[in-house]
PDB file of N, CA and C in Angstrom:
ATOM      1  N   UNK A   1     -66.386 -31.552  65.394  1.00  0.00           N
ATOM      2  CA  UNK A   1     -66.266 -31.254  66.803  1.00  0.00           C
ATOM      3  C   UNK A   1     -66.830 -32.411  67.639  1.00  0.00           C
ATOM      4  N   UNK A   2     -67.980 -32.935  67.218  1.00  0.00           N
ATOM      5  CA  UNK A   2     -68.574 -34.065  67.934  1.00  0.00           C
ATOM      6  C   UNK A   2     -67.628 -35.258  67.949  1.00  0.00           C
ATOM      7  N   UNK A   3     -67.023 -35.555  66.815  1.00  0.00           N
ATOM      8  CA  UNK A   3     -66.100 -36.689  66.727  1.00  0.00           C
ATOM      9  C   UNK A   3     -64.891 -36.453  67.615  1.00  0.00           C
ATOM     10  N   UNK A   4     -64.336 -35.258  67.559  1.00  0.00           N
ATOM     11  CA  UNK A   4     -63.169 -34.942  68.387  1.00  0.00           C
ATOM     12  C   UNK A   4     -63.489 -35.071  69.870  1.00  0.00           C
ATOM     13  N   UNK A   5     -64.654 -34.567  70.296  1.00  0.00           N
ATOM     14  CA  UNK A   5     -65.040 -34.648  71.707  1.00  0.00           C
ATOM     15  C   UNK A   5     -65.266 -36.093  72.148  1.00  0.00           C
ATOM     16  N   UNK A   6     -65.941 -36.861  71.300  1.00  0.00           N
ATOM     17  CA  UNK A   6     -66.222 -38.257  71.641  1.00  0.00           C
ATOM     18  C   UNK A   6     -64.936 -39.072  71.726  1.00  0.00           C
ATOM     19  N   UNK A   7     -64.040 -38.860  70.780  1.00  0.00           N
ATOM     20  CA  UNK A   7     -62.756 -39.571  70.824  1.00  0.00           C
ATOM     21  C   UNK A   7     -61.934 -39.145  72.043  1.00  0.00           C
ATOM     22  N   UNK A   8     -61.956 -37.861  72.359  1.00  0.00           N
ATOM     23  CA  UNK A   8     -61.212 -37.366  73.529  1.00  0.00           C
ATOM     24  C   UNK A   8     -61.735 -38.016  74.811  1.00  0.00           C
ATOM     25  N   UNK A   9     -63.050 -38.184  74.908  1.00  0.00           N
ATOM     26  CA  UNK A   9     -63.632 -38.840  76.083  1.00  0.00           C
ATOM     27  C   UNK A   9     -63.179 -40.294  76.177  1.00  0.00           C
ATOM     28  N   UNK A  10     -62.919 -40.903  75.045  1.00  0.00           N
ATOM     29  CA  UNK A  10     -62.437 -42.293  75.008  1.00  0.00           C
ATOM     30  C   UNK A  10     -60.914 -42.355  75.087  1.00  0.00           C
ATOM     31  N   UNK A  11     -60.295 -41.200  75.307  1.00  0.00           N
ATOM     32  CA  UNK A  11     -58.840 -41.082  75.422  1.00  0.00           C
ATOM     33  C   UNK A  11     -58.116 -41.485  74.131  1.00  0.00           C
ATOM     34  N   UNK A  12     -58.744 -41.136  73.015  1.00  0.00           N
ATOM     35  CA  UNK A  12     -58.134 -41.351  71.696  1.00  0.00           C
ATOM     36  C   UNK A  12     -57.768 -39.986  71.147  1.00  0.00           C
ATOM     37  N   UNK A  13     -56.504 -39.822  70.816  1.00  0.00           N
ATOM     38  CA  UNK A  13     -56.039 -38.535  70.303  1.00  0.00           C
ATOM     39  C   UNK A  13     -56.225 -38.483  68.786  1.00  0.00           C
ATOM     40  N   UNK A  14     -56.672 -37.339  68.313  1.00  0.00           N
ATOM     41  CA  UNK A  14     -56.834 -37.145  66.870  1.00  0.00           C
ATOM     42  C   UNK A  14     -55.505 -37.383  66.160  1.00  0.00           C
ATOM     43  N   UNK A  15     -54.416 -37.035  66.804  1.00  0.00           N
ATOM     44  CA  UNK A  15     -53.095 -37.212  66.189  1.00  0.00           C
ATOM     45  C   UNK A  15     -52.751 -38.685  65.967  1.00  0.00           C
ATOM     46  N   UNK A  16     -53.466 -39.598  66.630  1.00  0.00           N
ATOM     47  CA  UNK A  16     -53.241 -41.031  66.442  1.00  0.00           C
ATOM     48  C   UNK A  16     -53.870 -41.546  65.153  1.00  0.00           C
ATOM     49  N   UNK A  17     -54.788 -40.764  64.586  1.00  0.00           N
ATOM     50  CA  UNK A  17     -55.489 -41.182  63.370  1.00  0.00           C
ATOM     51  C   UNK A  17     -54.740 -40.697  62.138  1.00  0.00           C
ATOM     52  N   UNK A  18     -54.841 -41.442  61.072  1.00  0.00           N
ATOM     53  CA  UNK A  18     -54.199 -41.072  59.814  1.00  0.00           C
ATOM     54  C   UNK A  18     -55.208 -40.294  58.959  1.00  0.00           C
ATOM     55  N   UNK A  19     -55.427 -39.025  59.317  1.00  0.00           N
ATOM     56  CA  UNK A  19     -56.407 -38.196  58.607  1.00  0.00           C
ATOM     57  C   UNK A  19     -55.718 -37.566  57.408  1.00  0.00           C
ATOM     58  N   UNK A  20     -56.242 -37.867  56.230  1.00  0.00           N
ATOM     59  CA  UNK A  20     -55.651 -37.323  55.011  1.00  0.00           C
ATOM     60  C   UNK A  20     -56.536 -36.261  54.377  1.00  0.00           C
ATOM     61  N   UNK A  21     -57.799 -36.194  54.824  1.00  0.00           N
ATOM     62  CA  UNK A  21     -58.713 -35.211  54.259  1.00  0.00           C
ATOM     63  C   UNK A  21     -59.886 -35.004  55.211  1.00  0.00           C
ATOM     64  N   UNK A  22     -60.451 -33.813  55.171  1.00  0.00           N
ATOM     65  CA  UNK A  22     -61.669 -33.522  55.919  1.00  0.00           C
ATOM     66  C   UNK A  22     -62.705 -33.045  54.918  1.00  0.00           C
ATOM     67  N   UNK A  23     -63.802 -33.787  54.818  1.00  0.00           N
ATOM     68  CA  UNK A  23     -64.853 -33.485  53.851  1.00  0.00           C
ATOM     69  C   UNK A  23     -66.169 -33.373  54.613  1.00  0.00           C
ATOM     70  N   UNK A  24     -66.916 -32.334  54.340  1.00  0.00           N
ATOM     71  CA  UNK A  24     -68.159 -32.115  55.068  1.00  0.00           C
ATOM     72  C   UNK A  24     -69.407 -32.478  54.275  1.00  0.00           C
ATOM     73  N   UNK A  25     -69.265 -32.916  53.041  1.00  0.00           N
ATOM     74  CA  UNK A  25     -70.414 -33.259  52.208  1.00  0.00           C
ATOM     75  C   UNK A  25     -70.657 -34.766  52.265  1.00  0.00           C
ATOM     76  N   UNK A  26     -71.814 -35.169  52.794  1.00  0.00           N
ATOM     77  CA  UNK A  26     -72.105 -36.598  52.962  1.00  0.00           C
ATOM     78  C   UNK A  26     -72.048 -37.379  51.658  1.00  0.00           C
ATOM     79  N   UNK A  27     -72.565 -36.815  50.584  1.00  0.00           N
ATOM     80  CA  UNK A  27     -72.564 -37.536  49.308  1.00  0.00           C
ATOM     81  C   UNK A  27     -71.137 -37.793  48.824  1.00  0.00           C
ATOM     82  N   UNK A  28     -70.268 -36.811  48.966  1.00  0.00           N
ATOM     83  CA  UNK A  28     -68.867 -36.990  48.570  1.00  0.00           C
ATOM     84  C   UNK A  28     -68.195 -38.038  49.436  1.00  0.00           C
ATOM     85  N   UNK A  29     -68.455 -37.999  50.728  1.00  0.00           N
ATOM     86  CA  UNK A  29     -67.887 -38.989  51.649  1.00  0.00           C
ATOM     87  C   UNK A  29     -68.316 -40.394  51.236  1.00  0.00           C
ATOM     88  N   UNK A  30     -69.604 -40.574  50.989  1.00  0.00           N
ATOM     89  CA  UNK A  30     -70.114 -41.897  50.623  1.00  0.00           C
ATOM     90  C   UNK A  30     -69.504 -42.387  49.309  1.00  0.00           C
ATOM     91  N   UNK A  31     -69.365 -41.503  48.353  1.00  0.00           N
ATOM     92  CA  UNK A  31     -68.776 -41.892  47.065  1.00  0.00           C
ATOM     93  C   UNK A  31     -67.315 -42.297  47.233  1.00  0.00           C
ATOM     94  N   UNK A  32     -66.575 -41.555  48.022  1.00  0.00           N
ATOM     95  CA  UNK A  32     -65.161 -41.893  48.234  1.00  0.00           C
ATOM     96  C   UNK A  32     -65.004 -43.211  48.972  1.00  0.00           C
ATOM     97  N   UNK A  33     -65.836 -43.434  49.976  1.00  0.00           N
ATOM     98  CA  UNK A  33     -65.779 -44.705  50.704  1.00  0.00           C
ATOM     99  C   UNK A  33     -66.167 -45.859  49.769  1.00  0.00           C
ATOM    100  N   UNK A  34     -67.194 -45.675  48.952  1.00  0.00           N
ATOM    101  CA  UNK A  34     -67.612 -46.717  48.005  1.00  0.00           C
ATOM    102  C   UNK A  34     -66.514 -47.021  46.994  1.00  0.00           C
ATOM    103  N   UNK A  35     -65.688 -46.023  46.686  1.00  0.00           N
ATOM    104  CA  UNK A  35     -64.564 -46.224  45.771  1.00  0.00           C
ATOM    105  C   UNK A  35     -63.336 -46.785  46.472  1.00  0.00           C
ATOM    106  N   UNK A  36     -63.471 -47.099  47.766  1.00  0.00           N
ATOM    107  CA  UNK A  36     -62.392 -47.678  48.567  1.00  0.00           C
ATOM    108  C   UNK A  36     -61.216 -46.725  48.751  1.00  0.00           C
ATOM    109  N   UNK A  37     -61.529 -45.421  48.804  1.00  0.00           N
ATOM    110  CA  UNK A  37     -60.487 -44.419  49.022  1.00  0.00           C
ATOM    111  C   UNK A  37     -60.122 -44.342  50.511  1.00  0.00           C
ATOM    112  N   UNK A  38     -61.050 -44.694  51.379  1.00  0.00           N
ATOM    113  CA  UNK A  38     -60.759 -44.634  52.801  1.00  0.00           C
ATOM    114  C   UNK A  38     -61.976 -44.986  53.627  1.00  0.00           C
ATOM    115  N   UNK A  39     -61.951 -44.583  54.890  1.00  0.00           N
ATOM    116  CA  UNK A  39     -63.049 -44.803  55.827  1.00  0.00           C
ATOM    117  C   UNK A  39     -63.451 -43.459  56.407  1.00  0.00           C
ATOM    118  N   UNK A  40     -64.627 -43.444  57.041  1.00  0.00           N
ATOM    119  CA  UNK A  40     -65.110 -42.167  57.561  1.00  0.00           C
ATOM    120  C   UNK A  40     -66.065 -42.386  58.718  1.00  0.00           C
ATOM    121  N   UNK A  41     -66.265 -41.337  59.485  1.00  0.00           N
ATOM    122  CA  UNK A  41     -67.340 -41.277  60.469  1.00  0.00           C
ATOM    123  C   UNK A  41     -68.495 -40.562  59.772  1.00  0.00           C
ATOM    124  N   UNK A  42     -69.685 -41.179  59.809  1.00  0.00           N
ATOM    125  CA  UNK A  42     -70.854 -40.571  59.168  1.00  0.00           C
ATOM    126  C   UNK A  42     -72.110 -41.081  59.859  1.00  0.00           C
ATOM    127  N   UNK A  43     -73.153 -40.319  59.810  1.00  0.00           N
ATOM    128  CA  UNK A  43     -74.412 -40.678  60.447  1.00  0.00           C
ATOM    129  C   UNK A  43     -74.996 -41.958  59.869  1.00  0.00           C
ATOM    130  N   UNK A  44     -75.555 -42.770  60.748  1.00  0.00           N
ATOM    131  CA  UNK A  44     -76.204 -44.010  60.323  1.00  0.00           C
ATOM    132  C   UNK A  44     -77.351 -43.727  59.355  1.00  0.00           C
ATOM    133  N   UNK A  45     -78.080 -42.691  59.613  1.00  0.00           N
ATOM    134  CA  UNK A  45     -79.206 -42.328  58.749  1.00  0.00           C
ATOM    135  C   UNK A  45     -78.714 -41.952  57.353  1.00  0.00           C
ATOM    136  N   UNK A  46     -77.577 -41.285  57.284  1.00  0.00           N
ATOM    137  CA  UNK A  46     -77.050 -40.820  56.000  1.00  0.00           C
ATOM    138  C   UNK A  46     -76.617 -41.959  55.089  1.00  0.00           C
ATOM    139  N   UNK A  47     -76.303 -43.115  55.668  1.00  0.00           N
ATOM    140  CA  UNK A  47     -75.792 -44.234  54.845  1.00  0.00           C
ATOM    141  C   UNK A  47     -76.744 -45.417  54.763  1.00  0.00           C
ATOM    142  N   UNK A  48     -77.924 -45.260  55.298  1.00  0.00           N
ATOM    143  CA  UNK A  48     -78.873 -46.382  55.363  1.00  0.00           C
ATOM    144  C   UNK A  48     -79.077 -47.033  53.994  1.00  0.00           C
ATOM    145  N   UNK A  49     -79.347 -46.232  52.969  1.00  0.00           N
ATOM    146  CA  UNK A  49     -79.613 -46.789  51.631  1.00  0.00           C
ATOM    147  C   UNK A  49     -78.383 -47.500  51.066  1.00  0.00           C
ATOM    148  N   UNK A  50     -77.214 -46.890  51.198  1.00  0.00           N
ATOM    149  CA  UNK A  50     -75.986 -47.488  50.657  1.00  0.00           C
ATOM    150  C   UNK A  50     -75.642 -48.797  51.352  1.00  0.00           C
ATOM    151  N   UNK A  51     -75.911 -48.882  52.640  1.00  0.00           N
ATOM    152  CA  UNK A  51     -75.665 -50.130  53.375  1.00  0.00           C
ATOM    153  C   UNK A  51     -76.641 -51.201  52.905  1.00  0.00           C
ATOM    154  N   UNK A  52     -77.934 -50.843  52.744  1.00  0.00           N
ATOM    155  CA  UNK A  52     -78.925 -51.802  52.265  1.00  0.00           C
ATOM    156  C   UNK A  52     -78.564 -52.327  50.874  1.00  0.00           C
ATOM    157  N   UNK A  53     -78.007 -51.443  50.042  1.00  0.00           N
ATOM    158  CA  UNK A  53     -77.611 -51.841  48.685  1.00  0.00           C
ATOM    159  C   UNK A  53     -76.237 -52.515  48.648  1.00  0.00           C
ATOM    160  N   UNK A  54     -75.612 -52.630  49.828  1.00  0.00           N
ATOM    161  CA  UNK A  54     -74.290 -53.252  49.971  1.00  0.00           C
ATOM    162  C   UNK A  54     -73.204 -52.536  49.174  1.00  0.00           C
ATOM    163  N   UNK A  55     -73.366 -51.212  49.066  1.00  0.00           N
ATOM    164  CA  UNK A  55     -72.337 -50.404  48.418  1.00  0.00           C
ATOM    165  C   UNK A  55     -71.201 -50.083  49.386  1.00  0.00           C
ATOM    166  N   UNK A  56     -71.548 -49.993  50.660  1.00  0.00           N
ATOM    167  CA  UNK A  56     -70.553 -49.748  51.704  1.00  0.00           C
ATOM    168  C   UNK A  56     -70.927 -50.583  52.926  1.00  0.00           C
ATOM    169  N   UNK A  57     -69.978 -50.765  53.815  1.00  0.00           N
ATOM    170  CA  UNK A  57     -70.198 -51.491  55.060  1.00  0.00           C
ATOM    171  C   UNK A  57     -70.134 -50.503  56.214  1.00  0.00           C
ATOM    172  N   UNK A  58     -71.001 -50.690  57.191  1.00  0.00           N
ATOM    173  CA  UNK A  58     -71.013 -49.833  58.376  1.00  0.00           C
ATOM    174  C   UNK A  58     -70.598 -50.647  59.595  1.00  0.00           C
ATOM    175  N   UNK A  59     -69.821 -50.041  60.445  1.00  0.00           N
ATOM    176  CA  UNK A  59     -69.363 -50.685  61.672  1.00  0.00           C
ATOM    177  C   UNK A  59     -69.601 -49.756  62.849  1.00  0.00           C
ATOM    178  N   UNK A  60     -70.064 -50.325  63.935  1.00  0.00           N
ATOM    179  CA  UNK A  60     -70.157 -49.575  65.187  1.00  0.00           C
ATOM    180  C   UNK A  60     -68.846 -49.772  65.926  1.00  0.00           C
ATOM    181  N   UNK A  61     -68.410 -48.761  66.607  1.00  0.00           N
ATOM    182  CA  UNK A  61     -67.169 -48.845  67.371  1.00  0.00           C
ATOM    183  C   UNK A  61     -67.531 -49.060  68.832  1.00  0.00           C
ATOM    184  N   UNK A  62     -67.072 -50.158  69.375  1.00  0.00           N
ATOM    185  CA  UNK A  62     -67.395 -50.523  70.746  1.00  0.00           C
ATOM    186  C   UNK A  62     -67.068 -49.378  71.706  1.00  0.00           C
ATOM    187  N   UNK A  63     -68.015 -49.090  72.577  1.00  0.00           N
ATOM    188  CA  UNK A  63     -67.869 -48.097  73.646  1.00  0.00           C
ATOM    189  C   UNK A  63     -67.791 -46.654  73.152  1.00  0.00           C
ATOM    190  N   UNK A  64     -68.105 -46.394  71.884  1.00  0.00           N
ATOM    191  CA  UNK A  64     -68.163 -45.016  71.402  1.00  0.00           C
ATOM    192  C   UNK A  64     -69.596 -44.700  70.989  1.00  0.00           C
ATOM    193  N   UNK A  65     -70.150 -43.675  71.575  1.00  0.00           N
ATOM    194  CA  UNK A  65     -71.493 -43.226  71.235  1.00  0.00           C
ATOM    195  C   UNK A  65     -71.419 -41.779  70.756  1.00  0.00           C
ATOM    196  N   UNK A  66     -71.736 -41.570  69.497  1.00  0.00           N
ATOM    197  CA  UNK A  66     -71.750 -40.231  68.926  1.00  0.00           C
ATOM    198  C   UNK A  66     -73.187 -39.726  68.966  1.00  0.00           C
ATOM    199  N   UNK A  67     -73.489 -38.873  69.911  1.00  0.00           N
ATOM    200  CA  UNK A  67     -74.847 -38.343  70.048  1.00  0.00           C
ATOM    201  C   UNK A  67     -74.824 -36.837  69.848  1.00  0.00           C
ATOM    202  N   UNK A  68     -75.812 -36.367  69.107  1.00  0.00           N
ATOM    203  CA  UNK A  68     -75.926 -34.927  68.912  1.00  0.00           C
ATOM    204  C   UNK A  68     -77.393 -34.543  68.930  1.00  0.00           C
ATOM    205  N   UNK A  69     -77.622 -33.273  69.150  1.00  0.00           N
ATOM    206  CA  UNK A  69     -78.983 -32.763  69.219  1.00  0.00           C
ATOM    207  C   UNK A  69     -79.243 -31.834  68.040  1.00  0.00           C
ATOM    208  N   UNK A  70     -80.478 -31.862  67.597  1.00  0.00           N
ATOM    209  CA  UNK A  70     -80.929 -30.950  66.562  1.00  0.00           C
ATOM    210  C   UNK A  70     -82.044 -30.098  67.144  1.00  0.00           C
ATOM    211  N   UNK A  71     -82.111 -28.879  66.706  1.00  0.00           N
ATOM    212  CA  UNK A  71     -83.117 -27.961  67.204  1.00  0.00           C
ATOM    213  C   UNK A  71     -83.890 -27.342  66.046  1.00  0.00           C
ATOM    214  N   UNK A  72     -85.183 -27.168  66.241  1.00  0.00           N
ATOM    215  CA  UNK A  72     -86.004 -26.426  65.301  1.00  0.00           C
ATOM    216  C   UNK A  72     -86.106 -25.024  65.882  1.00  0.00           C
ATOM    217  N   UNK A  73     -85.552 -24.044  65.202  1.00  0.00           N
ATOM    218  CA  UNK A  73     -85.530 -22.685  65.734  1.00  0.00           C
ATOM    219  C   UNK A  73     -86.267 -21.733  64.802  1.00  0.00           C
ATOM    220  N   UNK A  74     -86.858 -20.734  65.407  1.00  0.00           N
ATOM    221  CA  UNK A  74     -87.525 -19.688  64.633  1.00  0.00           C
ATOM    222  C   UNK A  74     -87.556 -18.424  65.462  1.00  0.00           C
ATOM    223  N   UNK A  75     -87.804 -17.321  64.823  1.00  0.00           N
ATOM    224  CA  UNK A  75     -87.792 -16.006  65.467  1.00  0.00           C
ATOM    225  C   UNK A  75     -88.869 -15.947  66.542  1.00  0.00           C
ATOM    226  N   UNK A  76     -88.500 -15.503  67.727  1.00  0.00           N
ATOM    227  CA  UNK A  76     -89.427 -15.536  68.859  1.00  0.00           C
ATOM    228  C   UNK A  76     -90.595 -14.562  68.724  1.00  0.00           C
ATOM    229  N   UNK A  77     -90.448 -13.525  67.910  1.00  0.00           N
ATOM    230  CA  UNK A  77     -91.511 -12.528  67.768  1.00  0.00           C
ATOM    231  C   UNK A  77     -92.353 -12.724  66.506  1.00  0.00           C
ATOM    232  N   UNK A  78     -92.202 -13.856  65.850  1.00  0.00           N
ATOM    233  CA  UNK A  78     -92.978 -14.115  64.637  1.00  0.00           C
ATOM    234  C   UNK A  78     -93.713 -15.438  64.779  1.00  0.00           C
ATOM    235  N   UNK A  79     -94.892 -15.469  64.193  1.00  0.00           N
ATOM    236  CA  UNK A  79     -95.667 -16.694  64.189  1.00  0.00           C
ATOM    237  C   UNK A  79     -95.266 -17.538  62.982  1.00  0.00           C
ATOM    238  N   UNK A  80     -95.355 -18.836  63.150  1.00  0.00           N
ATOM    239  CA  UNK A  80     -95.067 -19.732  62.033  1.00  0.00           C
ATOM    240  C   UNK A  80     -96.257 -19.741  61.081  1.00  0.00           C
ATOM    241  N   UNK A  81     -95.950 -19.754  59.800  1.00  0.00           N
ATOM    242  CA  UNK A  81     -97.011 -19.889  58.802  1.00  0.00           C
ATOM    243  C   UNK A  81     -97.577 -21.298  58.911  1.00  0.00           C
ATOM    244  N   UNK A  82     -98.756 -21.540  58.333  1.00  0.00           N
ATOM    245  CA  UNK A  82     -99.303 -22.911  58.357  1.00  0.00           C
ATOM    246  C   UNK A  82     -98.340 -23.935  57.747  1.00  0.00           C
ATOM    247  N   UNK A  83     -97.625 -23.553  56.689  1.00  0.00           N
ATOM    248  CA  UNK A  83     -96.655 -24.461  56.083  1.00  0.00           C
ATOM    249  C   UNK A  83     -95.498 -24.736  57.044  1.00  0.00           C
ATOM    250  N   UNK A  84     -94.990 -23.675  57.701  1.00  0.00           N
ATOM    251  CA  UNK A  84     -93.917 -23.844  58.679  1.00  0.00           C
ATOM    252  C   UNK A  84     -94.370 -24.730  59.837  1.00  0.00           C
ATOM    253  N   UNK A  85     -95.589 -24.534  60.300  1.00  0.00           N
ATOM    254  CA  UNK A  85     -96.121 -25.354  61.394  1.00  0.00           C
ATOM    255  C   UNK A  85     -96.226 -26.819  60.972  1.00  0.00           C
ATOM    256  N   UNK A  86     -96.691 -27.047  59.745  1.00  0.00           N
ATOM    257  CA  UNK A  86     -96.791 -28.416  59.244  1.00  0.00           C
ATOM    258  C   UNK A  86     -95.414 -29.060  59.156  1.00  0.00           C
ATOM    259  N   UNK A  87     -94.414 -28.301  58.697  1.00  0.00           N
ATOM    260  CA  UNK A  87     -93.047 -28.816  58.620  1.00  0.00           C
ATOM    261  C   UNK A  87     -92.529 -29.144  60.013  1.00  0.00           C
ATOM    262  N   UNK A  88     -92.705 -28.232  60.959  1.00  0.00           N
ATOM    263  CA  UNK A  88     -92.266 -28.465  62.341  1.00  0.00           C
ATOM    264  C   UNK A  88     -92.918 -29.730  62.897  1.00  0.00           C
ATOM    265  N   UNK A  89     -94.226 -29.868  62.727  1.00  0.00           N
ATOM    266  CA  UNK A  89     -94.942 -31.029  63.247  1.00  0.00           C
ATOM    267  C   UNK A  89     -94.448 -32.322  62.596  1.00  0.00           C
ATOM    268  N   UNK A  90     -94.188 -32.271  61.289  1.00  0.00           N
ATOM    269  CA  UNK A  90     -93.668 -33.441  60.579  1.00  0.00           C
ATOM    270  C   UNK A  90     -92.309 -33.845  61.135  1.00  0.00           C
ATOM    271  N   UNK A  91     -91.406 -32.880  61.302  1.00  0.00           N
ATOM    272  CA  UNK A  91     -90.055 -33.165  61.804  1.00  0.00           C
ATOM    273  C   UNK A  91     -90.121 -33.751  63.213  1.00  0.00           C
ATOM    274  N   UNK A  92     -90.922 -33.167  64.064  1.00  0.00           N
ATOM    275  CA  UNK A  92     -91.042 -33.656  65.439  1.00  0.00           C
ATOM    276  C   UNK A  92     -91.596 -35.088  65.436  1.00  0.00           C
ATOM    277  N   UNK A  93     -92.629 -35.342  64.650  1.00  0.00           N
ATOM    278  CA  UNK A  93     -93.212 -36.689  64.556  1.00  0.00           C
ATOM    279  C   UNK A  93     -92.187 -37.679  63.996  1.00  0.00           C
ATOM    280  N   UNK A  94     -91.481 -37.287  62.940  1.00  0.00           N
ATOM    281  CA  UNK A  94     -90.491 -38.149  62.311  1.00  0.00           C
ATOM    282  C   UNK A  94     -89.377 -38.498  63.304  1.00  0.00           C
ATOM    283  N   UNK A  95     -88.857 -37.502  64.014  1.00  0.00           N
ATOM    284  CA  UNK A  95     -87.760 -37.709  64.950  1.00  0.00           C
ATOM    285  C   UNK A  95     -88.172 -38.633  66.097  1.00  0.00           C
ATOM    286  N   UNK A  96     -89.382 -38.509  66.547  1.00  0.00           N
ATOM    287  CA  UNK A  96     -89.842 -39.361  67.658  1.00  0.00           C
ATOM    288  C   UNK A  96     -89.986 -40.821  67.238  1.00  0.00           C
ATOM    289  N   UNK A  97     -90.167 -41.066  65.954  1.00  0.00           N
ATOM    290  CA  UNK A  97     -90.395 -42.433  65.467  1.00  0.00           C
ATOM    291  C   UNK A  97     -89.153 -43.067  64.851  1.00  0.00           C
ATOM    292  N   UNK A  98     -87.999 -42.423  64.956  1.00  0.00           N
ATOM    293  CA  UNK A  98     -86.772 -43.015  64.421  1.00  0.00           C
ATOM    294  C   UNK A  98     -86.388 -44.232  65.250  1.00  0.00           C
ATOM    295  N   UNK A  99     -85.934 -45.239  64.587  1.00  0.00           N
ATOM    296  CA  UNK A  99     -85.468 -46.445  65.271  1.00  0.00           C
ATOM    297  C   UNK A  99     -83.945 -46.491  65.208  1.00  0.00           C
ATOM    298  N   UNK A 100     -83.295 -45.770  66.097  1.00  0.00           N
ATOM    299  CA  UNK A 100     -81.831 -45.775  66.109  1.00  0.00           C
ATOM    300  C   UNK A 100     -81.314 -46.558  67.283  1.00  0.00           C
TER     301      UNK A 100
END
């Protein structure tokens, strides 16, 4: 959905692309791209190691910004356990220090 919305904002129609498959598993996508089966849209974070190892090449597309938000959610009437609180704090700290 994010890709479709971003492309639509750039006035690029999905029908203009030669889509032969839709795969939602990042590991499968990376393996197929490494095998030269095709190209894909995937998160920069998800491919960092493969790019460093030169297994795949990453390209930014001029004037296209794929931005999405993540939320940490929990039941409003329940308290977080100490482990849950530690996880939440770790995620928040990690996200604030990402260099994207």
